[in-house]
Amino acid sequence: MCRQFLWRQEENSKAVQKIMAEIRRKSPNAALPQIARPANSIPYLLVSPEGTTTASVGRWGFQVQGKGLVYNARQETALTKGLFRGCFQNGRCIVPAHSFFEWDKERHCFAFSQKEKELLYFAALYRTHQNGAEIVILTTHSSKTVDEVHHRMPLILGEKELRPWLYDTSASQFLLSQGIGALKKEIVEY
């Protein structure tokens, strides 16, 4: 499960600055929280109408009548559930993050990140409404490191998987069954 993640928009890395430059160009007044929660504005990567990869801002969660806010989707059912099936075909996107947070049964907060301090890229789906884009993050069974804390985690794409996820439906179906390697786990005072 993913309920909170860290996005450091002021970081000087090339990847973050490229994403933020595109977001500021499109939405100069966009406010992105450092710790993102469902219903917050979050950055995401998608295929533009011109066929290029671009960054934008959307709201984390699909507003569903009678169910409230749905902010995660299980990768096991993304192809079959009506709410997500069309989005999988035409609305795959990627949510960049520095880390994500999970809590154990004793309510200790843990941050999970790449060991090399690189960005995490969450596989996600989006749909557009009159108020803008809504985004759900795909979750999968936890890796060994995360499973010690929680049984679900975001579906994380490697850098070589970003383009196939966005542009190739067949490849993205295969990527639903993949997982990322080792993550770093740190306890966080929250």
C-alpha atoms as a PDB file:
ATOM      1  CA  MET A   1       0.000   0.000   0.000  1.00  0.00           C
ATOM      2  CA  CYS A   2       1.198   3.471  -0.629  1.00  0.00           C
ATOM      3  CA  ARG A   3      -0.353   6.333   1.359  1.00  0.00           C
ATOM      4  CA  GLN A   4       2.500   8.804   1.499  1.00  0.00           C
ATOM      5  CA  PHE A   5       5.636   9.516  -0.464  1.00  0.00           C
ATOM      6  CA  LEU A   6       8.426  12.069  -0.493  1.00  0.00           C
ATOM      7  CA  TRP A   7       9.011  14.434  -3.438  1.00  0.00           C
ATOM      8  CA  ARG A   8      11.856  16.957  -3.106  1.00  0.00           C
ATOM      9  CA  GLN A   9      11.057  19.387  -5.904  1.00  0.00           C
ATOM     10  CA  GLU A  10      14.000  21.630  -5.029  1.00  0.00           C
ATOM     11  CA  GLU A  11      16.598  18.881  -5.391  1.00  0.00           C
ATOM     12  CA  ASN A  12      19.344  19.753  -7.868  1.00  0.00           C
ATOM     13  CA  SER A  13      19.450  16.416  -9.667  1.00  0.00           C
ATOM     14  CA  LYS A  14      19.047  16.587 -13.429  1.00  0.00           C
ATOM     15  CA  ALA A  15      15.944  14.362 -13.403  1.00  0.00           C
ATOM     16  CA  VAL A  16      14.097  16.404 -10.761  1.00  0.00           C
ATOM     17  CA  GLN A  17      14.986  19.736 -12.364  1.00  0.00           C
ATOM     18  CA  LYS A  18      13.796  18.532 -15.791  1.00  0.00           C
ATOM     19  CA  ILE A  19      10.466  17.397 -14.326  1.00  0.00           C
ATOM     20  CA  MET A  20       9.995  20.608 -12.348  1.00  0.00           C
ATOM     21  CA  ALA A  21      10.903  22.857 -15.302  1.00  0.00           C
ATOM     22  CA  GLU A  22       8.145  21.255 -17.370  1.00  0.00           C
ATOM     23  CA  ILE A  23       5.642  21.500 -14.509  1.00  0.00           C
ATOM     24  CA  ARG A  24       6.481  25.171 -13.851  1.00  0.00           C
ATOM     25  CA  ARG A  25       6.129  25.933 -17.564  1.00  0.00           C
ATOM     26  CA  LYS A  26       2.626  24.404 -17.665  1.00  0.00           C
ATOM     27  CA  SER A  27       1.430  25.218 -14.148  1.00  0.00           C
ATOM     28  CA  PRO A  28       3.465  28.065 -12.653  1.00  0.00           C
ATOM     29  CA  ASN A  29       1.241  28.240  -9.567  1.00  0.00           C
ATOM     30  CA  ALA A  30       1.179  24.501  -8.854  1.00  0.00           C
ATOM     31  CA  ALA A  31       1.823  23.699  -5.192  1.00  0.00           C
ATOM     32  CA  LEU A  32       3.416  20.301  -4.667  1.00  0.00           C
ATOM     33  CA  PRO A  33       3.818  19.138  -1.071  1.00  0.00           C
ATOM     34  CA  GLN A  34       7.105  17.567  -0.037  1.00  0.00           C
ATOM     35  CA  ILE A  35       5.197  14.713   1.583  1.00  0.00           C
ATOM     36  CA  ALA A  36       2.388  13.721  -0.758  1.00  0.00           C
ATOM     37  CA  ARG A  37      -0.836  12.205   0.548  1.00  0.00           C
ATOM     38  CA  PRO A  38      -4.007  11.096  -1.249  1.00  0.00           C
ATOM     39  CA  ALA A  39      -5.974  14.066  -2.656  1.00  0.00           C
ATOM     40  CA  ASN A  40      -2.758  16.160  -2.936  1.00  0.00           C
ATOM     41  CA  SER A  41      -1.362  17.496  -6.185  1.00  0.00           C
ATOM     42  CA  ILE A  42       1.500  15.273  -7.333  1.00  0.00           C
ATOM     43  CA  PRO A  43       3.927  15.250 -10.272  1.00  0.00           C
ATOM     44  CA  TYR A  44       3.502  12.626 -12.961  1.00  0.00           C
ATOM     45  CA  LEU A  45       4.994  11.697 -16.322  1.00  0.00           C
ATOM     46  CA  LEU A  46       2.803  10.879 -19.302  1.00  0.00           C
ATOM     47  CA  VAL A  47       2.752  10.772 -23.090  1.00  0.00           C
ATOM     48  CA  SER A  48       1.747  14.138 -24.534  1.00  0.00           C
ATOM     49  CA  PRO A  49      -0.716  14.485 -27.443  1.00  0.00           C
ATOM     50  CA  GLU A  50       2.368  15.072 -29.617  1.00  0.00           C
ATOM     51  CA  GLY A  51       3.742  11.652 -28.616  1.00  0.00           C
ATOM     52  CA  THR A  52       6.562  12.800 -26.346  1.00  0.00           C
ATOM     53  CA  THR A  53       7.121  12.207 -22.648  1.00  0.00           C
ATOM     54  CA  THR A  54       6.125  15.192 -20.544  1.00  0.00           C
ATOM     55  CA  ALA A  55       5.612  16.067 -16.877  1.00  0.00           C
ATOM     56  CA  SER A  56       2.449  17.466 -15.384  1.00  0.00           C
ATOM     57  CA  VAL A  57       0.546  17.827 -12.111  1.00  0.00           C
ATOM     58  CA  GLY A  58      -2.508  15.801 -11.145  1.00  0.00           C
ATOM     59  CA  ARG A  59      -4.551  14.938  -8.091  1.00  0.00           C
ATOM     60  CA  TRP A  60      -3.661  11.715  -6.309  1.00  0.00           C
ATOM     61  CA  GLY A  61      -6.792   9.559  -6.314  1.00  0.00           C
ATOM     62  CA  PHE A  62      -9.832   8.793  -8.452  1.00  0.00           C
ATOM     63  CA  GLN A  63     -12.978  10.288  -6.963  1.00  0.00           C
ATOM     64  CA  VAL A  64     -15.532   7.461  -7.192  1.00  0.00           C
ATOM     65  CA  GLN A  65     -19.174   8.043  -6.411  1.00  0.00           C
ATOM     66  CA  GLY A  66     -20.235   5.933  -3.435  1.00  0.00           C
ATOM     67  CA  LYS A  67     -16.648   4.853  -2.655  1.00  0.00           C
ATOM     68  CA  GLY A  68     -14.825   8.107  -2.015  1.00  0.00           C
ATOM     69  CA  LEU A  69     -11.205   8.466  -3.057  1.00  0.00           C
ATOM     70  CA  VAL A  70      -9.444   5.459  -4.612  1.00  0.00           C
ATOM     71  CA  TYR A  71      -5.717   6.228  -4.599  1.00  0.00           C
ATOM     72  CA  ASN A  72      -4.110   2.818  -5.208  1.00  0.00           C
ATOM     73  CA  ALA A  73      -4.884   0.002  -7.636  1.00  0.00           C
ATOM     74  CA  ARG A  74      -3.680  -3.576  -7.315  1.00  0.00           C
ATOM     75  CA  GLN A  75      -1.488  -4.590 -10.233  1.00  0.00           C
ATOM     76  CA  GLU A  76      -3.171  -8.004 -10.185  1.00  0.00           C
ATOM     77  CA  THR A  77      -6.542  -6.489 -11.139  1.00  0.00           C
ATOM     78  CA  ALA A  78      -5.567  -3.382 -13.143  1.00  0.00           C
ATOM     79  CA  LEU A  79      -6.383  -5.127 -16.436  1.00  0.00           C
ATOM     80  CA  THR A  80      -9.738  -6.531 -15.331  1.00  0.00           C
ATOM     81  CA  LYS A  81     -11.434  -3.990 -13.031  1.00  0.00           C
ATOM     82  CA  GLY A  82     -13.693  -1.636 -14.933  1.00  0.00           C
ATOM     83  CA  LEU A  83     -12.436   1.424 -13.082  1.00  0.00           C
ATOM     84  CA  PHE A  84      -8.867   0.834 -14.302  1.00  0.00           C
ATOM     85  CA  ARG A  85      -9.111  -1.192 -17.545  1.00  0.00           C
ATOM     86  CA  GLY A  86      -9.553   1.799 -19.874  1.00  0.00           C
ATOM     87  CA  CYS A  87      -6.883   3.747 -18.036  1.00  0.00           C
ATOM     88  CA  PHE A  88      -4.453   0.880 -18.501  1.00  0.00           C
ATOM     89  CA  GLN A  89      -5.005   1.012 -22.250  1.00  0.00           C
ATOM     90  CA  ASN A  90      -4.925   4.800 -22.629  1.00  0.00           C
ATOM     91  CA  GLY A  91      -3.763   6.381 -19.378  1.00  0.00           C
ATOM     92  CA  ARG A  92      -0.555   4.811 -18.127  1.00  0.00           C
ATOM     93  CA  CYS A  93       1.715   7.248 -16.333  1.00  0.00           C
ATOM     94  CA  ILE A  94       4.612   7.350 -13.897  1.00  0.00           C
ATOM     95  CA  VAL A  95       4.820   9.051 -10.504  1.00  0.00           C
ATOM     96  CA  PRO A  96       8.381  10.041  -9.510  1.00  0.00           C
ATOM     97  CA  ALA A  97       9.308   9.994  -5.815  1.00  0.00           C
ATOM     98  CA  HIS A  98      12.355  10.009  -3.599  1.00  0.00           C
ATOM     99  CA  SER A  99      10.927   7.497  -1.133  1.00  0.00           C
ATOM    100  CA  PHE A 100       7.669   6.093   0.193  1.00  0.00           C
ATOM    101  CA  PHE A 101       6.508   5.505   3.747  1.00  0.00           C
ATOM    102  CA  GLU A 102       4.946   2.509   5.482  1.00  0.00           C
ATOM    103  CA  TRP A 103       4.057   1.859   9.114  1.00  0.00           C
ATOM    104  CA  ASP A 104       4.497  -1.373  11.005  1.00  0.00           C
ATOM    105  CA  LYS A 105       2.034  -2.775  13.550  1.00  0.00           C
ATOM    106  CA  GLU A 106       3.738  -0.834  16.351  1.00  0.00           C
ATOM    107  CA  ARG A 107       3.142   2.398  14.367  1.00  0.00           C
ATOM    108  CA  HIS A 108       6.832   2.931  13.540  1.00  0.00           C
ATOM    109  CA  CYS A 109       7.263   4.802  10.275  1.00  0.00           C
ATOM    110  CA  PHE A 110       9.771   3.521   7.714  1.00  0.00           C
ATOM    111  CA  ALA A 111      11.015   5.243   4.560  1.00  0.00           C
ATOM    112  CA  PHE A 112      11.949   3.089   1.568  1.00  0.00           C
ATOM    113  CA  SER A 113      14.197   4.439  -1.177  1.00  0.00           C
ATOM    114  CA  GLN A 114      16.713   3.356  -3.808  1.00  0.00           C
ATOM    115  CA  LYS A 115      20.056   2.363  -2.357  1.00  0.00           C
ATOM    116  CA  GLU A 116      21.874   4.673  -4.781  1.00  0.00           C
ATOM    117  CA  LYS A 117      19.744   7.735  -3.843  1.00  0.00           C
ATOM    118  CA  GLU A 118      18.078   7.676  -7.275  1.00  0.00           C
ATOM    119  CA  LEU A 119      14.445   8.488  -7.874  1.00  0.00           C
ATOM    120  CA  LEU A 120      11.779   5.835  -7.554  1.00  0.00           C
ATOM    121  CA  TYR A 121       9.322   5.617 -10.443  1.00  0.00           C
ATOM    122  CA  PHE A 122       5.873   4.284  -9.516  1.00  0.00           C
ATOM    123  CA  ALA A 123       3.748   2.686 -12.224  1.00  0.00           C
ATOM    124  CA  ALA A 124       0.451   4.566 -12.222  1.00  0.00           C
ATOM    125  CA  LEU A 125      -2.734   5.233 -14.166  1.00  0.00           C
ATOM    126  CA  TYR A 126      -4.513   8.501 -14.844  1.00  0.00           C
ATOM    127  CA  ARG A 127      -7.798   9.783 -16.150  1.00  0.00           C
ATOM    128  CA  THR A 128      -8.870  13.304 -16.937  1.00  0.00           C
ATOM    129  CA  HIS A 129     -11.904  15.133 -15.584  1.00  0.00           C
ATOM    130  CA  GLN A 130     -13.140  18.685 -15.841  1.00  0.00           C
ATOM    131  CA  ASN A 131     -10.974  19.518 -12.797  1.00  0.00           C
ATOM    132  CA  GLY A 132      -7.805  18.001 -14.307  1.00  0.00           C
ATOM    133  CA  ALA A 133      -6.050  14.656 -14.046  1.00  0.00           C
ATOM    134  CA  GLU A 134      -6.664  12.065 -11.343  1.00  0.00           C
ATOM    135  CA  ILE A 135      -3.969   9.472 -10.642  1.00  0.00           C
ATOM    136  CA  VAL A 136      -3.843   6.069  -8.944  1.00  0.00           C
ATOM    137  CA  ILE A 137      -0.582   4.346  -8.035  1.00  0.00           C
ATOM    138  CA  LEU A 138      -0.331   0.639  -8.797  1.00  0.00           C
ATOM    139  CA  THR A 139       0.649  -1.576  -5.883  1.00  0.00           C
ATOM    140  CA  THR A 140       2.136  -5.054  -5.811  1.00  0.00           C
ATOM    141  CA  HIS A 141       3.226  -7.679  -3.303  1.00  0.00           C
ATOM    142  CA  SER A 142       6.055  -6.350  -1.172  1.00  0.00           C
ATOM    143  CA  SER A 143       9.707  -7.119  -1.717  1.00  0.00           C
ATOM    144  CA  LYS A 144      11.489  -8.864   1.129  1.00  0.00           C
ATOM    145  CA  THR A 145      12.687  -5.580   2.662  1.00  0.00           C
ATOM    146  CA  VAL A 146       9.238  -3.957   2.632  1.00  0.00           C
ATOM    147  CA  ASP A 147       7.386  -7.131   3.643  1.00  0.00           C
ATOM    148  CA  GLU A 148       8.939  -6.876   7.099  1.00  0.00           C
ATOM    149  CA  VAL A 149       6.775  -3.750   7.527  1.00  0.00           C
ATOM    150  CA  HIS A 150       3.824  -4.074   5.095  1.00  0.00           C
ATOM    151  CA  HIS A 151       2.544  -6.683   2.635  1.00  0.00           C
ATOM    152  CA  ARG A 152       1.976  -4.218  -0.278  1.00  0.00           C
ATOM    153  CA  MET A 153       4.153  -1.584  -1.933  1.00  0.00           C
ATOM    154  CA  PRO A 154       4.098   0.608  -5.049  1.00  0.00           C
ATOM    155  CA  LEU A 155       4.946  -1.132  -8.328  1.00  0.00           C
ATOM    156  CA  ILE A 156       8.363   0.407  -9.014  1.00  0.00           C
ATOM    157  CA  LEU A 157       9.758   0.677 -12.524  1.00  0.00           C
ATOM    158  CA  GLY A 158      13.452   0.732 -13.356  1.00  0.00           C
ATOM    159  CA  GLU A 159      14.764   3.522 -15.585  1.00  0.00           C
ATOM    160  CA  LYS A 160      14.915   1.173 -18.599  1.00  0.00           C
ATOM    161  CA  GLU A 161      11.241   0.305 -18.067  1.00  0.00           C
ATOM    162  CA  LEU A 162       9.885   3.877 -18.133  1.00  0.00           C
ATOM    163  CA  ARG A 163       9.544   4.217 -21.894  1.00  0.00           C
ATOM    164  CA  PRO A 164       8.015   0.732 -22.423  1.00  0.00           C
ATOM    165  CA  TRP A 165       5.514   1.425 -19.598  1.00  0.00           C
ATOM    166  CA  LEU A 166       4.350   4.652 -21.216  1.00  0.00           C
ATOM    167  CA  TYR A 167       4.458   3.700 -24.899  1.00  0.00           C
ATOM    168  CA  ASP A 168       3.959  -0.070 -25.269  1.00  0.00           C
ATOM    169  CA  THR A 169       0.776  -1.736 -23.980  1.00  0.00           C
ATOM    170  CA  SER A 170       2.134  -5.285 -24.449  1.00  0.00           C
ATOM    171  CA  ALA A 171       5.365  -4.450 -22.621  1.00  0.00           C
ATOM    172  CA  SER A 172       3.441  -2.715 -19.853  1.00  0.00           C
ATOM    173  CA  GLN A 173       1.318  -5.837 -19.325  1.00  0.00           C
ATOM    174  CA  PHE A 174       4.556  -7.769 -18.803  1.00  0.00           C
ATOM    175  CA  LEU A 175       5.882  -5.081 -16.453  1.00  0.00           C
ATOM    176  CA  LEU A 176       2.848  -5.583 -14.199  1.00  0.00           C
ATOM    177  CA  SER A 177       4.421  -8.852 -13.070  1.00  0.00           C
ATOM    178  CA  GLN A 178       7.884  -7.417 -12.406  1.00  0.00           C
ATOM    179  CA  GLY A 179       9.365  -5.893  -9.297  1.00  0.00           C
ATOM    180  CA  ILE A 180      12.357  -3.818  -8.322  1.00  0.00           C
ATOM    181  CA  GLY A 181      15.471  -5.046  -6.627  1.00  0.00           C
ATOM    182  CA  ALA A 182      16.777  -3.977  -3.267  1.00  0.00           C
ATOM    183  CA  LEU A 183      15.440  -0.931  -1.468  1.00  0.00           C
ATOM    184  CA  LYS A 184      16.945   0.896   1.478  1.00  0.00           C
ATOM    185  CA  LYS A 185      14.844   0.927   4.676  1.00  0.00           C
ATOM    186  CA  GLU A 186      15.175   3.648   7.320  1.00  0.00           C
ATOM    187  CA  ILE A 187      13.093   4.277  10.425  1.00  0.00           C
ATOM    188  CA  VAL A 188      11.687   7.814  10.407  1.00  0.00           C
ATOM    189  CA  GLU A 189      10.615  10.051  13.252  1.00  0.00           C
ATOM    190  CA  TYR A 190       7.179  11.171  12.147  1.00  0.00           C
END
